[in-house]
Amino acid sequence: MLASRTDMSSTTYGLVKMSGFTTALCRGAPMVLSQCGAFVAPLASAGPLNQLRLIQSSAMSAADASGRALPQPRPLPQPAGSGARAGAADNRGSDQAFLRGRWPYISLLGVAAAAALAYRTFREPQVTQRVFLDFEVDGRPAGRVVVGLYGKEAPLTCENFAALASHQRGFGYRGCPVHRVMRGWSVWSGDVTAGDGSGGVSVFGPSFGAETLDVRHRRGSVSMVLDEEGRLRSQFFFTLVTTPGLDRKAAAFGRVLEGLDVLERLSRLPTVGEGSEDGEADVGGRPRAKVRVRDSGVLPEEGSVARGDGPALAAPS
């Protein structure tokens, strides 16, 4: 009987303990479920790689809460090529940051380069001296052409032209024929020896070297003709249109200041050029009329004309 009572007491005590544990478990179930839900919901919606990261972070949070240290997690595998892409992205970011910090200076450098190119292309060199040429057609005055010389660009060429115009050395352009005209394009003269475009001589000797070929040929340019050896004598021509094809093939050294209309009229005179049946070929040739430089000289700053004395003298042969 005593043993039966002891067994019943033990059974009753066990039932009471189980009941208390069940009650505590039921009371804590909502909190446990909420914690599980907060963990399971993101885990279910994440990808495989993010699931591993989420589990690791949860484990480390639990370790921090309990005060126990967990072994360091192994690094997660990176997708193939992700390191290279990350490096490229970092490089792009650094390049963009560099450009953002310096774009005002880069823009200013580009503007300066464009301005320098435009200045070199469109600038007109400084005129340092003025020379005049009076033309005649069949003995009748045809008009005056005033030429501005670029003495700083080509000092020897300008000195040669001015000395020939003023007959400083006893010979020059007075009486020199216009041996070729091209309709609306150019007028050629300056052969002080042969008069037909095959000769010429400079005041420095038979010829001298070209100083610069950088001056561009525009409408109204005056340029020296290069001989077979690429040297200069006395022949020159006027361009009536912009002619980039002559750049670096002839030595431009000045421009027409007055008298472009005179040159236009001379260029349209009938010619007896080769390949023309009516003598008015656009390819150019010698004018039918006798066109020559009637007078020439240097114009000082005051505007008065400096002329040579006496008639024009022939050049030395």
C-alpha atoms as a PDB file:
ATOM      1  CA  MET A   1       0.000   0.000   0.000  1.00  0.00           C
ATOM      2  CA  LEU A   2       2.819   2.354   0.882  1.00  0.00           C
ATOM      3  CA  ALA A   3       4.531   1.598  -2.385  1.00  0.00           C
ATOM      4  CA  SER A   4       1.349   2.353  -4.308  1.00  0.00           C
ATOM      5  CA  ARG A   5       1.024   5.738  -2.648  1.00  0.00           C
ATOM      6  CA  THR A   6       4.664   6.559  -3.450  1.00  0.00           C
ATOM      7  CA  ASP A   7       4.204   5.691  -7.123  1.00  0.00           C
ATOM      8  CA  MET A   8       1.075   7.791  -7.351  1.00  0.00           C
ATOM      9  CA  SER A   9       2.861  10.772  -5.773  1.00  0.00           C
ATOM     10  CA  SER A  10       5.722  10.451  -8.258  1.00  0.00           C
ATOM     11  CA  THR A  11       3.297  10.230 -11.144  1.00  0.00           C
ATOM     12  CA  THR A  12       1.347  13.270  -9.911  1.00  0.00           C
ATOM     13  CA  TYR A  13       4.553  15.242  -9.472  1.00  0.00           C
ATOM     14  CA  GLY A  14       5.647  14.373 -13.029  1.00  0.00           C
ATOM     15  CA  LEU A  15       2.298  15.416 -14.473  1.00  0.00           C
ATOM     16  CA  VAL A  16       2.499  18.765 -12.672  1.00  0.00           C
ATOM     17  CA  LYS A  17       6.000  19.426 -13.993  1.00  0.00           C
ATOM     18  CA  MET A  18       4.954  18.503 -17.526  1.00  0.00           C
ATOM     19  CA  SER A  19       1.969  20.780 -17.259  1.00  0.00           C
ATOM     20  CA  GLY A  20       4.180  23.705 -16.187  1.00  0.00           C
ATOM     21  CA  PHE A  21       6.613  23.079 -19.045  1.00  0.00           C
ATOM     22  CA  THR A  22       3.739  22.900 -21.509  1.00  0.00           C
ATOM     23  CA  THR A  23       2.286  26.155 -20.168  1.00  0.00           C
ATOM     24  CA  ALA A  24       5.658  27.939 -20.511  1.00  0.00           C
ATOM     25  CA  LEU A  25       6.107  26.554 -23.980  1.00  0.00           C
ATOM     26  CA  CYS A  26       2.689  27.754 -25.043  1.00  0.00           C
ATOM     27  CA  ARG A  27       3.272  31.175 -23.558  1.00  0.00           C
ATOM     28  CA  GLY A  28       6.606  31.552 -25.446  1.00  0.00           C
ATOM     29  CA  ALA A  29       5.377  30.100 -28.720  1.00  0.00           C
ATOM     30  CA  PRO A  30       4.227  33.432 -30.274  1.00  0.00           C
ATOM     31  CA  MET A  31       7.595  35.060 -29.597  1.00  0.00           C
ATOM     32  CA  VAL A  32       9.477  32.059 -30.996  1.00  0.00           C
ATOM     33  CA  LEU A  33       7.267  31.921 -34.039  1.00  0.00           C
ATOM     34  CA  SER A  34       7.703  35.641 -34.658  1.00  0.00           C
ATOM     35  CA  GLN A  35      11.467  35.312 -34.406  1.00  0.00           C
ATOM     36  CA  CYS A  36      11.418  32.352 -36.746  1.00  0.00           C
ATOM     37  CA  GLY A  37       9.194  34.231 -39.154  1.00  0.00           C
ATOM     38  CA  ALA A  38      11.525  37.206 -39.164  1.00  0.00           C
ATOM     39  CA  PHE A  39      14.369  34.867 -40.050  1.00  0.00           C
ATOM     40  CA  VAL A  40      12.645  32.403 -42.372  1.00  0.00           C
ATOM     41  CA  ALA A  41      10.790  34.986 -44.547  1.00  0.00           C
ATOM     42  CA  PRO A  42      13.918  36.750 -45.871  1.00  0.00           C
ATOM     43  CA  LEU A  43      15.671  33.420 -46.162  1.00  0.00           C
ATOM     44  CA  ALA A  44      12.946  32.035 -48.384  1.00  0.00           C
ATOM     45  CA  SER A  45      12.918  35.063 -50.691  1.00  0.00           C
ATOM     46  CA  ALA A  46      16.731  35.362 -51.034  1.00  0.00           C
ATOM     47  CA  GLY A  47      18.902  33.648 -53.616  1.00  0.00           C
ATOM     48  CA  PRO A  48      21.313  30.809 -52.734  1.00  0.00           C
ATOM     49  CA  LEU A  49      24.295  33.101 -52.232  1.00  0.00           C
ATOM     50  CA  ASN A  50      22.318  35.550 -50.102  1.00  0.00           C
ATOM     51  CA  GLN A  51      20.861  32.658 -48.057  1.00  0.00           C
ATOM     52  CA  LEU A  52      24.381  31.631 -47.010  1.00  0.00           C
ATOM     53  CA  ARG A  53      25.225  35.217 -46.087  1.00  0.00           C
ATOM     54  CA  LEU A  54      21.982  35.507 -44.045  1.00  0.00           C
ATOM     55  CA  ILE A  55      22.655  32.307 -42.119  1.00  0.00           C
ATOM     56  CA  GLN A  56      26.189  33.411 -41.323  1.00  0.00           C
ATOM     57  CA  SER A  57      25.059  36.816 -40.091  1.00  0.00           C
ATOM     58  CA  SER A  58      22.358  35.222 -37.909  1.00  0.00           C
ATOM     59  CA  ALA A  59      24.844  32.833 -36.382  1.00  0.00           C
ATOM     60  CA  MET A  60      27.253  35.626 -35.604  1.00  0.00           C
ATOM     61  CA  SER A  61      24.447  37.668 -33.998  1.00  0.00           C
ATOM     62  CA  ALA A  62      23.554  34.701 -31.827  1.00  0.00           C
ATOM     63  CA  ALA A  63      27.166  34.266 -30.805  1.00  0.00           C
ATOM     64  CA  ASP A  64      27.390  37.925 -29.839  1.00  0.00           C
ATOM     65  CA  ALA A  65      24.267  37.587 -27.720  1.00  0.00           C
ATOM     66  CA  SER A  66      25.545  34.490 -25.909  1.00  0.00           C
ATOM     67  CA  GLY A  67      29.096  35.800 -25.507  1.00  0.00           C
ATOM     68  CA  ARG A  68      30.649  32.805 -27.233  1.00  0.00           C
ATOM     69  CA  ALA A  69      33.050  33.248 -30.156  1.00  0.00           C
ATOM     70  CA  LEU A  70      32.353  31.368 -33.369  1.00  0.00           C
ATOM     71  CA  PRO A  71      35.045  30.341 -35.826  1.00  0.00           C
ATOM     72  CA  GLN A  72      35.516  32.807 -38.653  1.00  0.00           C
ATOM     73  CA  PRO A  73      33.395  31.883 -41.680  1.00  0.00           C
ATOM     74  CA  ARG A  74      35.113  30.818 -44.842  1.00  0.00           C
ATOM     75  CA  PRO A  75      34.889  33.431 -47.627  1.00  0.00           C
ATOM     76  CA  LEU A  76      31.946  32.879 -49.913  1.00  0.00           C
ATOM     77  CA  PRO A  77      32.760  31.848 -53.479  1.00  0.00           C
ATOM     78  CA  GLN A  78      32.664  34.747 -55.959  1.00  0.00           C
ATOM     79  CA  PRO A  79      31.064  34.309 -59.360  1.00  0.00           C
ATOM     80  CA  ALA A  80      33.512  33.894 -62.230  1.00  0.00           C
ATOM     81  CA  GLY A  81      34.719  37.268 -63.537  1.00  0.00           C
ATOM     82  CA  SER A  82      33.238  39.267 -60.669  1.00  0.00           C
ATOM     83  CA  GLY A  83      36.681  40.424 -59.494  1.00  0.00           C
ATOM     84  CA  ALA A  84      37.620  41.700 -62.938  1.00  0.00           C
ATOM     85  CA  ARG A  85      34.272  43.452 -63.279  1.00  0.00           C
ATOM     86  CA  ALA A  86      34.682  45.045 -59.872  1.00  0.00           C
ATOM     87  CA  GLY A  87      38.188  46.213 -60.793  1.00  0.00           C
ATOM     88  CA  ALA A  88      36.964  47.660 -64.076  1.00  0.00           C
ATOM     89  CA  ALA A  89      34.116  49.413 -62.280  1.00  0.00           C
ATOM     90  CA  ASP A  90      36.569  50.892 -59.769  1.00  0.00           C
ATOM     91  CA  ASN A  91      38.825  52.090 -62.596  1.00  0.00           C
ATOM     92  CA  ARG A  92      35.882  53.685 -64.379  1.00  0.00           C
ATOM     93  CA  GLY A  93      34.839  55.376 -61.189  1.00  0.00           C
ATOM     94  CA  SER A  94      38.320  56.746 -60.563  1.00  0.00           C
ATOM     95  CA  ASP A  95      38.587  57.970 -64.185  1.00  0.00           C
ATOM     96  CA  GLN A  96      35.232  59.713 -63.934  1.00  0.00           C
ATOM     97  CA  ALA A  97      36.226  61.316 -60.646  1.00  0.00           C
ATOM     98  CA  PHE A  98      39.485  62.515 -62.240  1.00  0.00           C
ATOM     99  CA  LEU A  99      37.632  64.053 -65.193  1.00  0.00           C
ATOM    100  CA  ARG A 100      34.986  65.648 -62.968  1.00  0.00           C
ATOM    101  CA  GLY A 101      37.679  67.329 -60.918  1.00  0.00           C
ATOM    102  CA  ARG A 102      39.643  68.633 -63.877  1.00  0.00           C
ATOM    103  CA  TRP A 103      37.118  69.236 -66.650  1.00  0.00           C
ATOM    104  CA  PRO A 104      37.384  73.062 -66.406  1.00  0.00           C
ATOM    105  CA  TYR A 105      41.123  72.879 -67.115  1.00  0.00           C
ATOM    106  CA  ILE A 106      40.658  70.340 -69.904  1.00  0.00           C
ATOM    107  CA  SER A 107      37.945  72.507 -71.495  1.00  0.00           C
ATOM    108  CA  LEU A 108      40.162  75.580 -71.252  1.00  0.00           C
ATOM    109  CA  LEU A 109      43.018  73.696 -72.915  1.00  0.00           C
ATOM    110  CA  GLY A 110      40.729  72.637 -75.777  1.00  0.00           C
ATOM    111  CA  VAL A 111      39.505  76.196 -76.294  1.00  0.00           C
ATOM    112  CA  ALA A 112      43.091  77.495 -76.328  1.00  0.00           C
ATOM    113  CA  ALA A 113      44.133  74.887 -78.905  1.00  0.00           C
ATOM    114  CA  ALA A 114      41.150  75.737 -81.134  1.00  0.00           C
ATOM    115  CA  ALA A 115      41.906  79.455 -80.846  1.00  0.00           C
ATOM    116  CA  ALA A 116      45.562  78.898 -81.777  1.00  0.00           C
ATOM    117  CA  LEU A 117      44.564  76.846 -84.816  1.00  0.00           C
ATOM    118  CA  ALA A 118      42.023  79.459 -85.931  1.00  0.00           C
ATOM    119  CA  TYR A 119      44.580  82.252 -85.458  1.00  0.00           C
ATOM    120  CA  ARG A 120      47.172  80.405 -87.530  1.00  0.00           C
ATOM    121  CA  THR A 121      44.619  79.637 -90.246  1.00  0.00           C
ATOM    122  CA  PHE A 122      42.890  82.992 -90.602  1.00  0.00           C
ATOM    123  CA  ARG A 123      45.383  85.579 -89.379  1.00  0.00           C
ATOM    124  CA  GLU A 124      46.861  88.150 -91.744  1.00  0.00           C
ATOM    125  CA  PRO A 125      50.564  88.918 -91.234  1.00  0.00           C
ATOM    126  CA  GLN A 126      51.535  92.493 -90.497  1.00  0.00           C
ATOM    127  CA  VAL A 127      52.170  94.796 -93.442  1.00  0.00           C
ATOM    128  CA  THR A 128      55.513  96.549 -93.005  1.00  0.00           C
ATOM    129  CA  GLN A 129      55.923  98.286 -96.388  1.00  0.00           C
ATOM    130  CA  ARG A 130      53.797  99.343 -99.344  1.00  0.00           C
ATOM    131  CA  VAL A 131      54.730  99.110-103.018  1.00  0.00           C
ATOM    132  CA  PHE A 132      52.739 100.356-106.029  1.00  0.00           C
ATOM    133  CA  LEU A 133      52.559  99.007-109.589  1.00  0.00           C
ATOM    134  CA  ASP A 134      50.924 101.062-112.373  1.00  0.00           C
ATOM    135  CA  PHE A 135      49.733  98.954-115.328  1.00  0.00           C
ATOM    136  CA  GLU A 136      48.982  99.919-118.914  1.00  0.00           C
ATOM    137  CA  VAL A 137      47.269  98.126-121.809  1.00  0.00           C
ATOM    138  CA  ASP A 138      48.431  99.072-125.331  1.00  0.00           C
ATOM    139  CA  GLY A 139      49.939 102.277-123.981  1.00  0.00           C
ATOM    140  CA  ARG A 140      46.817 103.355-122.060  1.00  0.00           C
ATOM    141  CA  PRO A 141      46.791 103.483-118.245  1.00  0.00           C
ATOM    142  CA  ALA A 142      44.901 100.551-116.755  1.00  0.00           C
ATOM    143  CA  GLY A 143      45.094 101.407-113.066  1.00  0.00           C
ATOM    144  CA  ARG A 144      47.245 101.146-109.958  1.00  0.00           C
ATOM    145  CA  VAL A 145      47.766  98.205-107.651  1.00  0.00           C
ATOM    146  CA  VAL A 146      49.112  98.802-104.125  1.00  0.00           C
ATOM    147  CA  VAL A 147      50.785  95.837-102.462  1.00  0.00           C
ATOM    148  CA  GLY A 148      51.436  95.437 -98.720  1.00  0.00           C
ATOM    149  CA  LEU A 149      54.599  93.450 -97.930  1.00  0.00           C
ATOM    150  CA  TYR A 150      55.006  91.047 -94.973  1.00  0.00           C
ATOM    151  CA  GLY A 151      58.481  92.159 -93.943  1.00  0.00           C
ATOM    152  CA  LYS A 152      58.494  90.179 -90.706  1.00  0.00           C
ATOM    153  CA  GLU A 153      57.510  86.945 -92.402  1.00  0.00           C
ATOM    154  CA  ALA A 154      59.903  87.136 -95.370  1.00  0.00           C
ATOM    155  CA  PRO A 155      62.344  90.072 -95.027  1.00  0.00           C
ATOM    156  CA  LEU A 156      64.663  89.118 -97.909  1.00  0.00           C
ATOM    157  CA  THR A 157      61.789  88.429-100.299  1.00  0.00           C
ATOM    158  CA  CYS A 158      60.181  91.770 -99.466  1.00  0.00           C
ATOM    159  CA  GLU A 159      63.506  93.583 -99.825  1.00  0.00           C
ATOM    160  CA  ASN A 160      64.033  91.995-103.229  1.00  0.00           C
ATOM    161  CA  PHE A 161      60.539  92.972-104.415  1.00  0.00           C
ATOM    162  CA  ALA A 162      60.818  96.561-103.124  1.00  0.00           C
ATOM    163  CA  ALA A 163      64.269  97.018-104.682  1.00  0.00           C
ATOM    164  CA  LEU A 164      62.987  95.755-108.055  1.00  0.00           C
ATOM    165  CA  ALA A 165      59.939  98.020-107.828  1.00  0.00           C
ATOM    166  CA  SER A 166      62.058 101.109-107.068  1.00  0.00           C
ATOM    167  CA  HIS A 167      64.919 100.188-109.468  1.00  0.00           C
ATOM    168  CA  GLN A 168      67.331 100.576-106.594  1.00  0.00           C
ATOM    169  CA  ARG A 169      69.955  98.465-108.384  1.00  0.00           C
ATOM    170  CA  GLY A 170      69.377 100.015-111.837  1.00  0.00           C
ATOM    171  CA  PHE A 171      66.867  97.429-113.095  1.00  0.00           C
ATOM    172  CA  GLY A 172      63.452  96.277-112.038  1.00  0.00           C
ATOM    173  CA  TYR A 173      59.789  96.049-112.849  1.00  0.00           C
ATOM    174  CA  ARG A 174      59.227  99.238-114.872  1.00  0.00           C
ATOM    175  CA  GLY A 175      58.461  98.250-118.433  1.00  0.00           C
ATOM    176  CA  CYS A 176      58.182  94.558-117.467  1.00  0.00           C
ATOM    177  CA  PRO A 177      55.398  92.766-119.427  1.00  0.00           C
ATOM    178  CA  VAL A 178      52.495  90.780-118.004  1.00  0.00           C
ATOM    179  CA  HIS A 179      53.342  87.454-119.625  1.00  0.00           C
ATOM    180  CA  ARG A 180      50.373  85.411-118.401  1.00  0.00           C
ATOM    181  CA  VAL A 181      46.812  85.925-117.215  1.00  0.00           C
ATOM    182  CA  MET A 182      44.248  83.342-116.091  1.00  0.00           C
ATOM    183  CA  ARG A 183      40.648  84.479-116.243  1.00  0.00           C
ATOM    184  CA  GLY A 184      39.385  85.379-112.775  1.00  0.00           C
ATOM    185  CA  TRP A 185      42.258  83.478-111.190  1.00  0.00           C
ATOM    186  CA  SER A 186      45.687  85.115-111.494  1.00  0.00           C
ATOM    187  CA  VAL A 187      47.959  87.687-113.184  1.00  0.00           C
ATOM    188  CA  TRP A 188      51.661  86.919-113.743  1.00  0.00           C
ATOM    189  CA  SER A 189      54.568  89.305-114.307  1.00  0.00           C
ATOM    190  CA  GLY A 190      58.096  90.066-113.106  1.00  0.00           C
ATOM    191  CA  ASP A 191      60.286  88.379-115.747  1.00  0.00           C
ATOM    192  CA  VAL A 192      62.770  91.261-116.002  1.00  0.00           C
ATOM    193  CA  THR A 193      65.182  89.410-118.332  1.00  0.00           C
ATOM    194  CA  ALA A 194      63.221  87.391-120.930  1.00  0.00           C
ATOM    195  CA  GLY A 195      59.753  88.859-120.481  1.00  0.00           C
ATOM    196  CA  ASP A 196      58.024  85.557-121.251  1.00  0.00           C
ATOM    197  CA  GLY A 197      58.100  83.698-117.926  1.00  0.00           C
ATOM    198  CA  SER A 198      61.331  81.802-118.607  1.00  0.00           C
ATOM    199  CA  GLY A 199      63.785  84.181-116.931  1.00  0.00           C
ATOM    200  CA  GLY A 200      64.170  86.577-114.063  1.00  0.00           C
ATOM    201  CA  VAL A 201      66.883  87.699-111.663  1.00  0.00           C
ATOM    202  CA  SER A 202      66.981  88.925-108.072  1.00  0.00           C
ATOM    203  CA  VAL A 203      68.845  91.884-106.605  1.00  0.00           C
ATOM    204  CA  PHE A 204      70.956  89.433-104.564  1.00  0.00           C
ATOM    205  CA  GLY A 205      72.226  87.555-107.608  1.00  0.00           C
ATOM    206  CA  PRO A 206      70.676  85.084-110.042  1.00  0.00           C
ATOM    207  CA  SER A 207      68.391  83.693-107.318  1.00  0.00           C
ATOM    208  CA  PHE A 208      68.052  83.209-103.570  1.00  0.00           C
ATOM    209  CA  GLY A 209      66.399  80.671-101.279  1.00  0.00           C
ATOM    210  CA  ALA A 210      62.785  80.916-100.161  1.00  0.00           C
ATOM    211  CA  GLU A 211      62.452  82.053 -96.555  1.00  0.00           C
ATOM    212  CA  THR A 212      58.993  80.744 -95.761  1.00  0.00           C
ATOM    213  CA  LEU A 213      56.227  78.836 -97.493  1.00  0.00           C
ATOM    214  CA  ASP A 214      53.796  79.060 -94.574  1.00  0.00           C
ATOM    215  CA  VAL A 215      51.851  82.148 -95.726  1.00  0.00           C
ATOM    216  CA  ARG A 216      48.565  80.994 -97.272  1.00  0.00           C
ATOM    217  CA  HIS A 217      47.341  81.979-100.718  1.00  0.00           C
ATOM    218  CA  ARG A 218      44.059  83.869-100.475  1.00  0.00           C
ATOM    219  CA  ARG A 219      42.227  86.281-102.725  1.00  0.00           C
ATOM    220  CA  GLY A 220      44.590  89.196-103.300  1.00  0.00           C
ATOM    221  CA  SER A 221      47.829  87.443-102.286  1.00  0.00           C
ATOM    222  CA  VAL A 222      51.059  88.330-104.080  1.00  0.00           C
ATOM    223  CA  SER A 223      53.536  85.479-104.347  1.00  0.00           C
ATOM    224  CA  MET A 224      56.960  84.797-105.824  1.00  0.00           C
ATOM    225  CA  VAL A 225      57.387  82.017-108.374  1.00  0.00           C
ATOM    226  CA  LEU A 226      59.776  79.182-107.498  1.00  0.00           C
ATOM    227  CA  ASP A 227      62.181  78.212-110.274  1.00  0.00           C
ATOM    228  CA  GLU A 228      63.230  74.684-111.212  1.00  0.00           C
ATOM    229  CA  GLU A 229      65.555  74.555-108.222  1.00  0.00           C
ATOM    230  CA  GLY A 230      62.956  75.844-105.770  1.00  0.00           C
ATOM    231  CA  ARG A 231      64.583  79.275-105.541  1.00  0.00           C
ATOM    232  CA  LEU A 232      63.289  82.810-106.047  1.00  0.00           C
ATOM    233  CA  ARG A 233      64.188  85.327-108.741  1.00  0.00           C
ATOM    234  CA  SER A 234      61.946  88.223-109.761  1.00  0.00           C
ATOM    235  CA  GLN A 235      58.773  86.639-111.175  1.00  0.00           C
ATOM    236  CA  PHE A 236      55.592  87.113-109.143  1.00  0.00           C
ATOM    237  CA  PHE A 237      51.846  86.654-109.521  1.00  0.00           C
ATOM    238  CA  PHE A 238      48.612  87.836-107.956  1.00  0.00           C
ATOM    239  CA  THR A 239      45.882  85.377-106.895  1.00  0.00           C
ATOM    240  CA  LEU A 240      42.284  86.513-107.373  1.00  0.00           C
ATOM    241  CA  VAL A 241      40.733  83.566-105.508  1.00  0.00           C
ATOM    242  CA  THR A 242      41.730  81.582-102.434  1.00  0.00           C
ATOM    243  CA  THR A 243      44.079  78.905-103.726  1.00  0.00           C
ATOM    244  CA  PRO A 244      45.133  76.353-101.076  1.00  0.00           C
ATOM    245  CA  GLY A 245      46.692  74.219-103.827  1.00  0.00           C
ATOM    246  CA  LEU A 246      49.511  76.778-104.075  1.00  0.00           C
ATOM    247  CA  ASP A 247      50.335  76.707-100.360  1.00  0.00           C
ATOM    248  CA  ARG A 248      53.925  75.538 -99.862  1.00  0.00           C
ATOM    249  CA  LYS A 249      54.393  75.507-103.666  1.00  0.00           C
ATOM    250  CA  ALA A 250      54.953  79.256-104.001  1.00  0.00           C
ATOM    251  CA  ALA A 251      56.225  81.923-101.615  1.00  0.00           C
ATOM    252  CA  ALA A 252      53.431  84.336-100.711  1.00  0.00           C
ATOM    253  CA  PHE A 253      54.881  87.467 -99.137  1.00  0.00           C
ATOM    254  CA  GLY A 254      52.189  90.175 -99.319  1.00  0.00           C
ATOM    255  CA  ARG A 255      48.650  91.088-100.266  1.00  0.00           C
ATOM    256  CA  VAL A 256      46.834  93.582-102.451  1.00  0.00           C
ATOM    257  CA  LEU A 257      45.682  96.625-100.474  1.00  0.00           C
ATOM    258  CA  GLU A 258      44.210  98.500-103.445  1.00  0.00           C
ATOM    259  CA  GLY A 259      43.465  97.651-107.074  1.00  0.00           C
ATOM    260  CA  LEU A 260      41.894  94.189-107.051  1.00  0.00           C
ATOM    261  CA  ASP A 261      39.425  95.466-109.642  1.00  0.00           C
ATOM    262  CA  VAL A 262      42.367  96.396-111.893  1.00  0.00           C
ATOM    263  CA  LEU A 263      43.721  92.874-111.651  1.00  0.00           C
ATOM    264  CA  GLU A 264      40.286  91.389-112.326  1.00  0.00           C
ATOM    265  CA  ARG A 265      40.072  93.347-115.587  1.00  0.00           C
ATOM    266  CA  LEU A 266      43.579  92.350-116.626  1.00  0.00           C
ATOM    267  CA  SER A 267      42.861  88.676-115.933  1.00  0.00           C
ATOM    268  CA  ARG A 268      39.906  88.745-118.361  1.00  0.00           C
ATOM    269  CA  LEU A 269      41.798  90.145-121.318  1.00  0.00           C
ATOM    270  CA  PRO A 270      41.760  87.943-124.453  1.00  0.00           C
ATOM    271  CA  THR A 271      44.784  85.654-124.584  1.00  0.00           C
ATOM    272  CA  VAL A 272      46.637  83.577-127.132  1.00  0.00           C
ATOM    273  CA  GLY A 273      47.219  80.675-124.765  1.00  0.00           C
ATOM    274  CA  GLU A 274      47.899  77.148-125.946  1.00  0.00           C
ATOM    275  CA  GLY A 275      44.890  74.938-126.586  1.00  0.00           C
ATOM    276  CA  SER A 276      42.629  77.898-127.375  1.00  0.00           C
ATOM    277  CA  GLU A 277      41.110  78.444-130.792  1.00  0.00           C
ATOM    278  CA  ASP A 278      39.694  81.864-130.037  1.00  0.00           C
ATOM    279  CA  GLY A 279      42.589  83.069-127.888  1.00  0.00           C
ATOM    280  CA  GLU A 280      40.456  83.326-124.730  1.00  0.00           C
ATOM    281  CA  ALA A 281      41.284  80.097-122.929  1.00  0.00           C
ATOM    282  CA  ASP A 282      40.472  79.840-119.243  1.00  0.00           C
ATOM    283  CA  VAL A 283      43.719  77.902-118.781  1.00  0.00           C
ATOM    284  CA  GLY A 284      45.568  81.169-119.300  1.00  0.00           C
ATOM    285  CA  GLY A 285      48.186  82.519-121.619  1.00  0.00           C
ATOM    286  CA  ARG A 286      49.845  85.667-122.858  1.00  0.00           C
ATOM    287  CA  PRO A 287      47.436  88.571-123.384  1.00  0.00           C
ATOM    288  CA  ARG A 288      46.838  89.634-126.963  1.00  0.00           C
ATOM    289  CA  ALA A 289      47.258  93.273-125.956  1.00  0.00           C
ATOM    290  CA  LYS A 290      50.578  94.627-124.771  1.00  0.00           C
ATOM    291  CA  VAL A 291      50.168  94.718-120.986  1.00  0.00           C
ATOM    292  CA  ARG A 292      53.100  95.904-118.921  1.00  0.00           C
ATOM    293  CA  VAL A 293      54.089  97.663-115.705  1.00  0.00           C
ATOM    294  CA  ARG A 294      54.188 101.317-116.622  1.00  0.00           C
ATOM    295  CA  ASP A 295      55.656 102.564-113.341  1.00  0.00           C
ATOM    296  CA  SER A 296      56.480 101.165-109.917  1.00  0.00           C
ATOM    297  CA  GLY A 297      57.965 102.273-106.631  1.00  0.00           C
ATOM    298  CA  VAL A 298      57.786 102.241-102.838  1.00  0.00           C
ATOM    299  CA  LEU A 299      55.166 104.201-100.912  1.00  0.00           C
ATOM    300  CA  PRO A 300      56.547 105.739 -97.687  1.00  0.00           C
ATOM    301  CA  GLU A 301      54.459 106.023 -94.555  1.00  0.00           C
ATOM    302  CA  GLU A 302      53.408 109.591 -95.416  1.00  0.00           C
ATOM    303  CA  GLY A 303      51.725 108.376 -98.583  1.00  0.00           C
ATOM    304  CA  SER A 304      54.085 110.091-101.020  1.00  0.00           C
ATOM    305  CA  VAL A 305      55.516 108.062-103.869  1.00  0.00           C
ATOM    306  CA  ALA A 306      59.217 107.256-103.981  1.00  0.00           C
ATOM    307  CA  ARG A 307      60.124 106.898-107.650  1.00  0.00           C
ATOM    308  CA  GLY A 308      63.389 106.177-109.352  1.00  0.00           C
ATOM    309  CA  ASP A 309      65.041 108.640-111.685  1.00  0.00           C
ATOM    310  CA  GLY A 310      65.236 108.106-115.421  1.00  0.00           C
ATOM    311  CA  PRO A 311      63.828 105.394-117.639  1.00  0.00           C
ATOM    312  CA  ALA A 312      63.715 101.742-116.727  1.00  0.00           C
ATOM    313  CA  LEU A 313      66.991  99.966-117.284  1.00  0.00           C
ATOM    314  CA  ALA A 314      67.405  96.443-118.547  1.00  0.00           C
ATOM    315  CA  ALA A 315      68.465  93.782-116.095  1.00  0.00           C
ATOM    316  CA  PRO A 316      71.895  92.245-116.436  1.00  0.00           C
ATOM    317  CA  SER A 317      71.892  89.154-118.565  1.00  0.00           C
END
